[in-house]
Amino acid sequence: MLLKQRGGSDEFQKKGQFLTGNHLPDQITEFGVHYALDLQMNRDAGFYLDTRHLRRWLLDNAAGKRLLNTFAYTGSLGVAAGVGGAAEVIQTDISRKFLQFAKLSWELNELHKKEQRILPDDFFRVVGRLRHQDRLFDRVILDPPFFSATAAGRVDLQNESTRLINKIRPLVAHEGRLVVINNALFLSGADFMGELEQLCRSEYLSFEQIIPIPEDITGYPDTIVSPPPVDPAPFNHPTKIAILRVTRKDQRTS
């Protein structure tokens, strides 16, 4: 048994202390897909259960598609797409260490190595290079952290979701899908949806669907102790996942 203390006094407590035993599982299986784990690698588990329905969507909607997974972390979303038959998966994150788990998970599922490409670099630099190369993808995932700042750019999900979406949307092919995830705890669902609706006033972007968070993660009505600090509705959790459809003026597909 491993105890992680978010408010611990040192990294040892935050990344986990054994209460019993001395062995941890090194993989998890969901919908028949295997994912590599190191439960003491970071403060979290390295695998987010709240995006389970999104992984299911990728399994069902990635066959033959080219996918770009940004802020990929350990790459579970890209691996789900790979198992779902994606023709190409690019996983990018600033941390080379975390991306190693994308490689391990790919191997666990016996997927062809050539179909996954790992790009350990800053989001803004990667997006700039791909645009310069005129690359387009059928599925693009934008799953940034709440806040980060590098020499190349800044991420602020509370105040600048629209800027990030506009940064990456030129990489989405005609009739492709852009998966947008916002986990800002104090950004209401109505405000986030308002941003998406404003973007979708253009004829080139349209709202398609919300991917809900599983109830065993959000809590059932009789188990919820207190509501989130702001109302996430029409989403069912502060982790807000939306899928947008992109129509290109030039209708390029590659």
C-alpha atoms as a PDB file:
ATOM      1  CA  MET A   1       0.000   0.000   0.000  1.00  0.00           C
ATOM      2  CA  LEU A   2       1.330   3.418  -1.023  1.00  0.00           C
ATOM      3  CA  LEU A   3       0.426   6.688   0.718  1.00  0.00           C
ATOM      4  CA  LYS A   4       0.757   9.934  -1.248  1.00  0.00           C
ATOM      5  CA  GLN A   5       0.440  13.178   0.721  1.00  0.00           C
ATOM      6  CA  ARG A   6      -0.294  16.152  -1.531  1.00  0.00           C
ATOM      7  CA  GLY A   7       0.523  18.505   1.326  1.00  0.00           C
ATOM      8  CA  GLY A   8       3.578  16.547   2.442  1.00  0.00           C
ATOM      9  CA  SER A   9       6.683  18.329   3.686  1.00  0.00           C
ATOM     10  CA  ASP A  10       9.028  16.775   1.100  1.00  0.00           C
ATOM     11  CA  GLU A  11       9.016  15.044  -2.299  1.00  0.00           C
ATOM     12  CA  PHE A  12       9.334  11.640  -0.630  1.00  0.00           C
ATOM     13  CA  GLN A  13       5.956  12.100   1.051  1.00  0.00           C
ATOM     14  CA  LYS A  14       4.359  13.652  -2.019  1.00  0.00           C
ATOM     15  CA  LYS A  15       5.485  10.886  -4.396  1.00  0.00           C
ATOM     16  CA  GLY A  16       4.503   8.124  -2.001  1.00  0.00           C
ATOM     17  CA  GLN A  17       5.544   6.093   1.037  1.00  0.00           C
ATOM     18  CA  PHE A  18       4.938   2.397   1.492  1.00  0.00           C
ATOM     19  CA  LEU A  19       2.563   1.592   4.347  1.00  0.00           C
ATOM     20  CA  THR A  20       2.652  -2.133   3.658  1.00  0.00           C
ATOM     21  CA  GLY A  21       4.663  -4.248   1.254  1.00  0.00           C
ATOM     22  CA  ASN A  22       7.405  -3.059  -1.070  1.00  0.00           C
ATOM     23  CA  HIS A  23       6.063  -3.807  -4.551  1.00  0.00           C
ATOM     24  CA  LEU A  24       3.855  -1.704  -6.821  1.00  0.00           C
ATOM     25  CA  PRO A  25       2.035  -2.634 -10.049  1.00  0.00           C
ATOM     26  CA  ASP A  26       3.858  -1.463 -13.158  1.00  0.00           C
ATOM     27  CA  GLN A  27       0.885  -1.404 -15.525  1.00  0.00           C
ATOM     28  CA  ILE A  28      -2.878  -0.939 -15.671  1.00  0.00           C
ATOM     29  CA  THR A  29      -5.377  -2.322 -18.185  1.00  0.00           C
ATOM     30  CA  GLU A  30      -8.496  -0.456 -19.318  1.00  0.00           C
ATOM     31  CA  PHE A  31     -10.812  -1.534 -22.169  1.00  0.00           C
ATOM     32  CA  GLY A  32      -8.222  -4.195 -22.961  1.00  0.00           C
ATOM     33  CA  VAL A  33      -5.466  -1.584 -23.464  1.00  0.00           C
ATOM     34  CA  HIS A  34      -2.301  -1.799 -21.357  1.00  0.00           C
ATOM     35  CA  TYR A  35      -0.602   1.272 -19.896  1.00  0.00           C
ATOM     36  CA  ALA A  36       2.791   1.388 -18.175  1.00  0.00           C
ATOM     37  CA  LEU A  37       2.892   2.845 -14.651  1.00  0.00           C
ATOM     38  CA  ASP A  38       5.385   4.121 -12.103  1.00  0.00           C
ATOM     39  CA  LEU A  39       3.274   5.148  -9.130  1.00  0.00           C
ATOM     40  CA  GLN A  40       6.199   6.961  -7.499  1.00  0.00           C
ATOM     41  CA  MET A  41       7.347   8.831 -10.592  1.00  0.00           C
ATOM     42  CA  ASN A  42       5.310  11.926  -9.821  1.00  0.00           C
ATOM     43  CA  ARG A  43       2.846  13.319  -7.304  1.00  0.00           C
ATOM     44  CA  ASP A  44      -0.059  11.760  -9.181  1.00  0.00           C
ATOM     45  CA  ALA A  45      -0.387   8.203 -10.481  1.00  0.00           C
ATOM     46  CA  GLY A  46       0.805   8.993 -14.014  1.00  0.00           C
ATOM     47  CA  PHE A  47      -2.549   7.843 -15.392  1.00  0.00           C
ATOM     48  CA  TYR A  48      -5.694   9.974 -15.203  1.00  0.00           C
ATOM     49  CA  LEU A  49      -8.878   8.013 -14.557  1.00  0.00           C
ATOM     50  CA  ASP A  50     -11.065  11.043 -15.302  1.00  0.00           C
ATOM     51  CA  THR A  51     -10.283  10.812 -19.045  1.00  0.00           C
ATOM     52  CA  ARG A  52     -11.512   7.216 -19.328  1.00  0.00           C
ATOM     53  CA  HIS A  53     -14.453   8.111 -21.593  1.00  0.00           C
ATOM     54  CA  LEU A  54     -12.112  10.084 -23.854  1.00  0.00           C
ATOM     55  CA  ARG A  55      -9.850   7.062 -24.232  1.00  0.00           C
ATOM     56  CA  ARG A  56     -12.953   5.065 -25.165  1.00  0.00           C
ATOM     57  CA  TRP A  57     -13.856   7.717 -27.759  1.00  0.00           C
ATOM     58  CA  LEU A  58     -10.336   7.531 -29.207  1.00  0.00           C
ATOM     59  CA  LEU A  59     -10.501   3.742 -29.383  1.00  0.00           C
ATOM     60  CA  ASP A  60     -13.719   4.094 -31.378  1.00  0.00           C
ATOM     61  CA  ASN A  61     -12.794   7.094 -33.548  1.00  0.00           C
ATOM     62  CA  ALA A  62      -9.105   6.847 -34.438  1.00  0.00           C
ATOM     63  CA  ALA A  63      -8.976   4.081 -37.051  1.00  0.00           C
ATOM     64  CA  GLY A  64      -6.902   5.227 -40.020  1.00  0.00           C
ATOM     65  CA  LYS A  65      -6.499   8.719 -38.561  1.00  0.00           C
ATOM     66  CA  ARG A  66      -3.417  10.835 -37.913  1.00  0.00           C
ATOM     67  CA  LEU A  67      -3.323  12.009 -34.309  1.00  0.00           C
ATOM     68  CA  LEU A  68      -1.352  14.727 -32.521  1.00  0.00           C
ATOM     69  CA  ASN A  69      -1.396  14.510 -28.710  1.00  0.00           C
ATOM     70  CA  THR A  70      -0.029  17.699 -27.124  1.00  0.00           C
ATOM     71  CA  PHE A  71       0.938  17.998 -23.465  1.00  0.00           C
ATOM     72  CA  ALA A  72       0.851  14.207 -23.695  1.00  0.00           C
ATOM     73  CA  TYR A  73       2.354  13.485 -20.240  1.00  0.00           C
ATOM     74  CA  THR A  74       2.636   9.646 -20.174  1.00  0.00           C
ATOM     75  CA  GLY A  75       0.795   9.359 -23.480  1.00  0.00           C
ATOM     76  CA  SER A  76      -2.285   7.338 -22.517  1.00  0.00           C
ATOM     77  CA  LEU A  77      -4.575   9.195 -24.936  1.00  0.00           C
ATOM     78  CA  GLY A  78      -2.211   8.599 -27.848  1.00  0.00           C
ATOM     79  CA  VAL A  79      -1.810   4.941 -26.924  1.00  0.00           C
ATOM     80  CA  ALA A  80      -5.600   4.499 -26.893  1.00  0.00           C
ATOM     81  CA  ALA A  81      -5.702   5.986 -30.390  1.00  0.00           C
ATOM     82  CA  GLY A  82      -2.919   3.633 -31.470  1.00  0.00           C
ATOM     83  CA  VAL A  83      -4.795   0.586 -30.248  1.00  0.00           C
ATOM     84  CA  GLY A  84      -7.861   2.017 -31.994  1.00  0.00           C
ATOM     85  CA  GLY A  85      -6.034   1.757 -35.307  1.00  0.00           C
ATOM     86  CA  ALA A  86      -4.580   5.247 -35.811  1.00  0.00           C
ATOM     87  CA  ALA A  87      -2.314   5.456 -38.867  1.00  0.00           C
ATOM     88  CA  GLU A  88       0.061   7.849 -37.101  1.00  0.00           C
ATOM     89  CA  VAL A  89       0.403   9.093 -33.522  1.00  0.00           C
ATOM     90  CA  ILE A  90       2.651  11.970 -32.495  1.00  0.00           C
ATOM     91  CA  GLN A  91       3.054  12.383 -28.740  1.00  0.00           C
ATOM     92  CA  THR A  92       4.655  15.603 -27.539  1.00  0.00           C
ATOM     93  CA  ASP A  93       5.467  16.870 -24.054  1.00  0.00           C
ATOM     94  CA  ILE A  94       8.235  18.979 -22.586  1.00  0.00           C
ATOM     95  CA  SER A  95       9.271  16.076 -20.324  1.00  0.00           C
ATOM     96  CA  ARG A  96      11.305  13.326 -21.967  1.00  0.00           C
ATOM     97  CA  LYS A  97      10.998  11.312 -18.727  1.00  0.00           C
ATOM     98  CA  PHE A  98       7.200  11.162 -18.881  1.00  0.00           C
ATOM     99  CA  LEU A  99       7.173  10.360 -22.592  1.00  0.00           C
ATOM    100  CA  GLN A 100       9.202   7.215 -21.930  1.00  0.00           C
ATOM    101  CA  PHE A 101       5.975   5.722 -20.587  1.00  0.00           C
ATOM    102  CA  ALA A 102       4.273   6.393 -23.924  1.00  0.00           C
ATOM    103  CA  LYS A 103       6.953   4.206 -25.502  1.00  0.00           C
ATOM    104  CA  LEU A 104       6.555   1.497 -22.860  1.00  0.00           C
ATOM    105  CA  SER A 105       2.767   1.460 -23.228  1.00  0.00           C
ATOM    106  CA  TRP A 106       3.093   1.272 -27.008  1.00  0.00           C
ATOM    107  CA  GLU A 107       5.307  -1.785 -26.628  1.00  0.00           C
ATOM    108  CA  LEU A 108       2.971  -3.391 -24.070  1.00  0.00           C
ATOM    109  CA  ASN A 109       0.228  -3.329 -26.703  1.00  0.00           C
ATOM    110  CA  GLU A 110       2.555  -4.707 -29.411  1.00  0.00           C
ATOM    111  CA  LEU A 111       1.929  -1.740 -31.696  1.00  0.00           C
ATOM    112  CA  HIS A 112       4.190  -0.994 -34.651  1.00  0.00           C
ATOM    113  CA  LYS A 113       6.998   1.317 -33.534  1.00  0.00           C
ATOM    114  CA  LYS A 114       6.938   3.335 -36.745  1.00  0.00           C
ATOM    115  CA  GLU A 115       3.369   4.462 -36.126  1.00  0.00           C
ATOM    116  CA  GLN A 116       4.285   6.422 -32.966  1.00  0.00           C
ATOM    117  CA  ARG A 117       6.622   9.397 -32.919  1.00  0.00           C
ATOM    118  CA  ILE A 118       7.826  10.963 -29.660  1.00  0.00           C
ATOM    119  CA  LEU A 119       8.646  14.689 -29.603  1.00  0.00           C
ATOM    120  CA  PRO A 120      10.078  15.838 -26.246  1.00  0.00           C
ATOM    121  CA  ASP A 121       9.929  19.629 -26.606  1.00  0.00           C
ATOM    122  CA  ASP A 122       7.991  22.742 -25.681  1.00  0.00           C
ATOM    123  CA  PHE A 123       4.428  22.888 -27.032  1.00  0.00           C
ATOM    124  CA  PHE A 124       4.889  26.242 -28.733  1.00  0.00           C
ATOM    125  CA  ARG A 125       8.062  25.172 -30.529  1.00  0.00           C
ATOM    126  CA  VAL A 126       6.532  21.874 -31.674  1.00  0.00           C
ATOM    127  CA  VAL A 127       3.394  23.565 -32.996  1.00  0.00           C
ATOM    128  CA  GLY A 128       5.500  26.134 -34.826  1.00  0.00           C
ATOM    129  CA  ARG A 129       7.615  23.448 -36.505  1.00  0.00           C
ATOM    130  CA  LEU A 130       4.600  21.369 -37.544  1.00  0.00           C
ATOM    131  CA  ARG A 131       2.891  24.414 -39.047  1.00  0.00           C
ATOM    132  CA  HIS A 132       6.081  25.275 -40.936  1.00  0.00           C
ATOM    133  CA  GLN A 133       6.056  21.707 -42.314  1.00  0.00           C
ATOM    134  CA  ASP A 134       2.383  22.116 -43.374  1.00  0.00           C
ATOM    135  CA  ARG A 135       1.420  19.095 -41.273  1.00  0.00           C
ATOM    136  CA  LEU A 136      -2.263  18.345 -40.714  1.00  0.00           C
ATOM    137  CA  PHE A 137      -3.892  15.843 -38.356  1.00  0.00           C
ATOM    138  CA  ASP A 138      -7.334  14.255 -38.255  1.00  0.00           C
ATOM    139  CA  ARG A 139      -7.399  14.209 -34.444  1.00  0.00           C
ATOM    140  CA  VAL A 140      -5.635  16.793 -32.285  1.00  0.00           C
ATOM    141  CA  ILE A 141      -5.685  16.717 -28.480  1.00  0.00           C
ATOM    142  CA  LEU A 142      -5.072  19.900 -26.481  1.00  0.00           C
ATOM    143  CA  ASP A 143      -4.655  18.859 -22.833  1.00  0.00           C
ATOM    144  CA  PRO A 144      -2.474  21.513 -21.168  1.00  0.00           C
ATOM    145  CA  PRO A 145      -1.688  21.944 -17.473  1.00  0.00           C
ATOM    146  CA  PHE A 146      -3.553  24.643 -15.575  1.00  0.00           C
ATOM    147  CA  PHE A 147      -0.607  27.047 -15.798  1.00  0.00           C
ATOM    148  CA  SER A 148       2.950  26.943 -17.101  1.00  0.00           C
ATOM    149  CA  ALA A 149       5.464  29.390 -18.530  1.00  0.00           C
ATOM    150  CA  THR A 150       8.557  28.726 -20.620  1.00  0.00           C
ATOM    151  CA  ALA A 151      10.811  30.860 -22.780  1.00  0.00           C
ATOM    152  CA  ALA A 152       8.643  29.854 -25.757  1.00  0.00           C
ATOM    153  CA  GLY A 153       5.234  30.758 -24.344  1.00  0.00           C
ATOM    154  CA  ARG A 154       2.715  30.695 -21.517  1.00  0.00           C
ATOM    155  CA  VAL A 155      -0.255  28.476 -20.699  1.00  0.00           C
ATOM    156  CA  ASP A 156      -3.087  29.921 -18.590  1.00  0.00           C
ATOM    157  CA  LEU A 157      -6.287  27.884 -18.706  1.00  0.00           C
ATOM    158  CA  GLN A 158      -8.132  30.258 -16.413  1.00  0.00           C
ATOM    159  CA  ASN A 159      -7.774  33.230 -18.732  1.00  0.00           C
ATOM    160  CA  GLU A 160      -6.380  32.203 -22.110  1.00  0.00           C
ATOM    161  CA  SER A 161      -8.060  29.045 -23.426  1.00  0.00           C
ATOM    162  CA  THR A 162      -9.052  30.756 -26.671  1.00  0.00           C
ATOM    163  CA  ARG A 163      -5.473  31.748 -27.447  1.00  0.00           C
ATOM    164  CA  LEU A 164      -4.268  28.149 -27.079  1.00  0.00           C
ATOM    165  CA  ILE A 165      -7.086  26.795 -29.248  1.00  0.00           C
ATOM    166  CA  ASN A 166      -6.322  29.320 -31.968  1.00  0.00           C
ATOM    167  CA  LYS A 167      -2.643  28.392 -31.723  1.00  0.00           C
ATOM    168  CA  ILE A 168      -3.261  24.731 -32.553  1.00  0.00           C
ATOM    169  CA  ARG A 169      -6.361  24.715 -34.744  1.00  0.00           C
ATOM    170  CA  PRO A 170      -4.373  25.346 -37.998  1.00  0.00           C
ATOM    171  CA  LEU A 171      -2.949  21.823 -37.532  1.00  0.00           C
ATOM    172  CA  VAL A 172      -6.372  20.163 -37.781  1.00  0.00           C
ATOM    173  CA  ALA A 173      -7.262  18.714 -41.183  1.00  0.00           C
ATOM    174  CA  HIS A 174     -10.553  19.342 -42.990  1.00  0.00           C
ATOM    175  CA  GLU A 175     -13.382  17.587 -41.104  1.00  0.00           C
ATOM    176  CA  GLY A 176     -10.909  16.720 -38.363  1.00  0.00           C
ATOM    177  CA  ARG A 177     -11.639  16.870 -34.648  1.00  0.00           C
ATOM    178  CA  LEU A 178      -9.990  19.053 -32.017  1.00  0.00           C
ATOM    179  CA  VAL A 179     -10.280  17.652 -28.474  1.00  0.00           C
ATOM    180  CA  VAL A 180     -10.045  20.486 -25.946  1.00  0.00           C
ATOM    181  CA  ILE A 181      -9.532  19.787 -22.231  1.00  0.00           C
ATOM    182  CA  ASN A 182      -9.674  22.491 -19.565  1.00  0.00           C
ATOM    183  CA  ASN A 183      -9.141  21.551 -15.910  1.00  0.00           C
ATOM    184  CA  ALA A 184      -9.188  25.064 -14.421  1.00  0.00           C
ATOM    185  CA  LEU A 185     -11.011  24.578 -11.120  1.00  0.00           C
ATOM    186  CA  PHE A 186     -12.261  28.171 -10.918  1.00  0.00           C
ATOM    187  CA  LEU A 187     -13.355  28.508 -14.554  1.00  0.00           C
ATOM    188  CA  SER A 188     -17.068  27.790 -14.699  1.00  0.00           C
ATOM    189  CA  GLY A 189     -18.492  25.487 -17.313  1.00  0.00           C
ATOM    190  CA  ALA A 190     -20.679  28.302 -18.604  1.00  0.00           C
ATOM    191  CA  ASP A 191     -17.692  30.600 -19.101  1.00  0.00           C
ATOM    192  CA  PHE A 192     -15.682  27.899 -20.852  1.00  0.00           C
ATOM    193  CA  MET A 193     -18.639  26.992 -23.054  1.00  0.00           C
ATOM    194  CA  GLY A 194     -19.072  30.687 -23.811  1.00  0.00           C
ATOM    195  CA  GLU A 195     -15.496  30.799 -25.117  1.00  0.00           C
ATOM    196  CA  LEU A 196     -16.121  27.753 -27.302  1.00  0.00           C
ATOM    197  CA  GLU A 197     -19.378  29.192 -28.630  1.00  0.00           C
ATOM    198  CA  GLN A 198     -17.620  32.435 -29.510  1.00  0.00           C
ATOM    199  CA  LEU A 199     -14.988  30.487 -31.445  1.00  0.00           C
ATOM    200  CA  CYS A 200     -17.694  28.450 -33.166  1.00  0.00           C
ATOM    201  CA  ARG A 201     -19.355  31.544 -34.596  1.00  0.00           C
ATOM    202  CA  SER A 202     -16.828  31.083 -37.363  1.00  0.00           C
ATOM    203  CA  GLU A 203     -17.998  28.806 -40.168  1.00  0.00           C
ATOM    204  CA  TYR A 204     -14.739  26.879 -39.793  1.00  0.00           C
ATOM    205  CA  LEU A 205     -15.255  25.548 -36.275  1.00  0.00           C
ATOM    206  CA  SER A 206     -18.295  23.865 -34.742  1.00  0.00           C
ATOM    207  CA  PHE A 207     -19.092  22.304 -31.391  1.00  0.00           C
ATOM    208  CA  GLU A 208     -19.723  18.571 -31.597  1.00  0.00           C
ATOM    209  CA  GLN A 209     -20.000  17.057 -28.123  1.00  0.00           C
ATOM    210  CA  ILE A 210     -19.007  16.988 -24.467  1.00  0.00           C
ATOM    211  CA  ILE A 211     -17.124  13.982 -23.135  1.00  0.00           C
ATOM    212  CA  PRO A 212     -18.324  13.513 -19.533  1.00  0.00           C
ATOM    213  CA  ILE A 213     -16.191  12.438 -16.605  1.00  0.00           C
ATOM    214  CA  PRO A 214     -17.145   8.967 -15.224  1.00  0.00           C
ATOM    215  CA  GLU A 215     -19.476   9.057 -12.229  1.00  0.00           C
ATOM    216  CA  ASP A 216     -17.128   6.953 -10.126  1.00  0.00           C
ATOM    217  CA  ILE A 217     -14.695   9.879 -10.438  1.00  0.00           C
ATOM    218  CA  THR A 218     -17.136  12.791 -10.046  1.00  0.00           C
ATOM    219  CA  GLY A 219     -18.933  11.093  -7.151  1.00  0.00           C
ATOM    220  CA  TYR A 220     -22.538   9.910  -7.055  1.00  0.00           C
ATOM    221  CA  PRO A 221     -25.277  12.203  -5.682  1.00  0.00           C
ATOM    222  CA  ASP A 222     -25.299  10.424  -2.316  1.00  0.00           C
ATOM    223  CA  THR A 223     -21.495  10.472  -1.971  1.00  0.00           C
ATOM    224  CA  ILE A 224     -20.653  14.091  -2.924  1.00  0.00           C
ATOM    225  CA  VAL A 225     -19.646  15.952   0.227  1.00  0.00           C
ATOM    226  CA  SER A 226     -19.407  19.437  -1.291  1.00  0.00           C
ATOM    227  CA  PRO A 227     -19.807  20.922  -4.790  1.00  0.00           C
ATOM    228  CA  PRO A 228     -16.844  22.340  -6.736  1.00  0.00           C
ATOM    229  CA  PRO A 229     -16.012  26.022  -6.109  1.00  0.00           C
ATOM    230  CA  VAL A 230     -17.748  27.075  -9.350  1.00  0.00           C
ATOM    231  CA  ASP A 231     -20.493  25.339 -11.299  1.00  0.00           C
ATOM    232  CA  PRO A 232     -18.996  23.187 -14.110  1.00  0.00           C
ATOM    233  CA  ALA A 233     -22.370  22.785 -15.913  1.00  0.00           C
ATOM    234  CA  PRO A 234     -23.023  21.947 -18.719  1.00  0.00           C
ATOM    235  CA  PHE A 235     -19.970  19.780 -17.985  1.00  0.00           C
ATOM    236  CA  ASN A 236     -20.242  17.372 -15.064  1.00  0.00           C
ATOM    237  CA  HIS A 237     -16.831  18.093 -13.512  1.00  0.00           C
ATOM    238  CA  PRO A 238     -14.196  20.861 -13.387  1.00  0.00           C
ATOM    239  CA  THR A 239     -12.241  18.746 -15.886  1.00  0.00           C
ATOM    240  CA  LYS A 240     -14.106  19.945 -18.956  1.00  0.00           C
ATOM    241  CA  ILE A 241     -13.709  17.992 -22.213  1.00  0.00           C
ATOM    242  CA  ALA A 242     -15.184  19.162 -25.517  1.00  0.00           C
ATOM    243  CA  ILE A 243     -14.811  17.966 -29.092  1.00  0.00           C
ATOM    244  CA  LEU A 244     -14.837  20.540 -31.894  1.00  0.00           C
ATOM    245  CA  ARG A 245     -15.111  19.839 -35.611  1.00  0.00           C
ATOM    246  CA  VAL A 246     -12.862  21.790 -37.970  1.00  0.00           C
ATOM    247  CA  THR A 247     -13.760  22.807 -41.505  1.00  0.00           C
ATOM    248  CA  ARG A 248     -10.899  24.202 -43.557  1.00  0.00           C
ATOM    249  CA  LYS A 249     -11.357  26.956 -46.083  1.00  0.00           C
ATOM    250  CA  ASP A 250      -8.799  25.327 -48.377  1.00  0.00           C
ATOM    251  CA  GLN A 251     -10.111  21.826 -47.584  1.00  0.00           C
ATOM    252  CA  ARG A 252      -6.606  20.382 -47.409  1.00  0.00           C
ATOM    253  CA  THR A 253      -6.428  16.866 -46.001  1.00  0.00           C
ATOM    254  CA  SER A 254      -2.658  16.354 -45.757  1.00  0.00           C
END
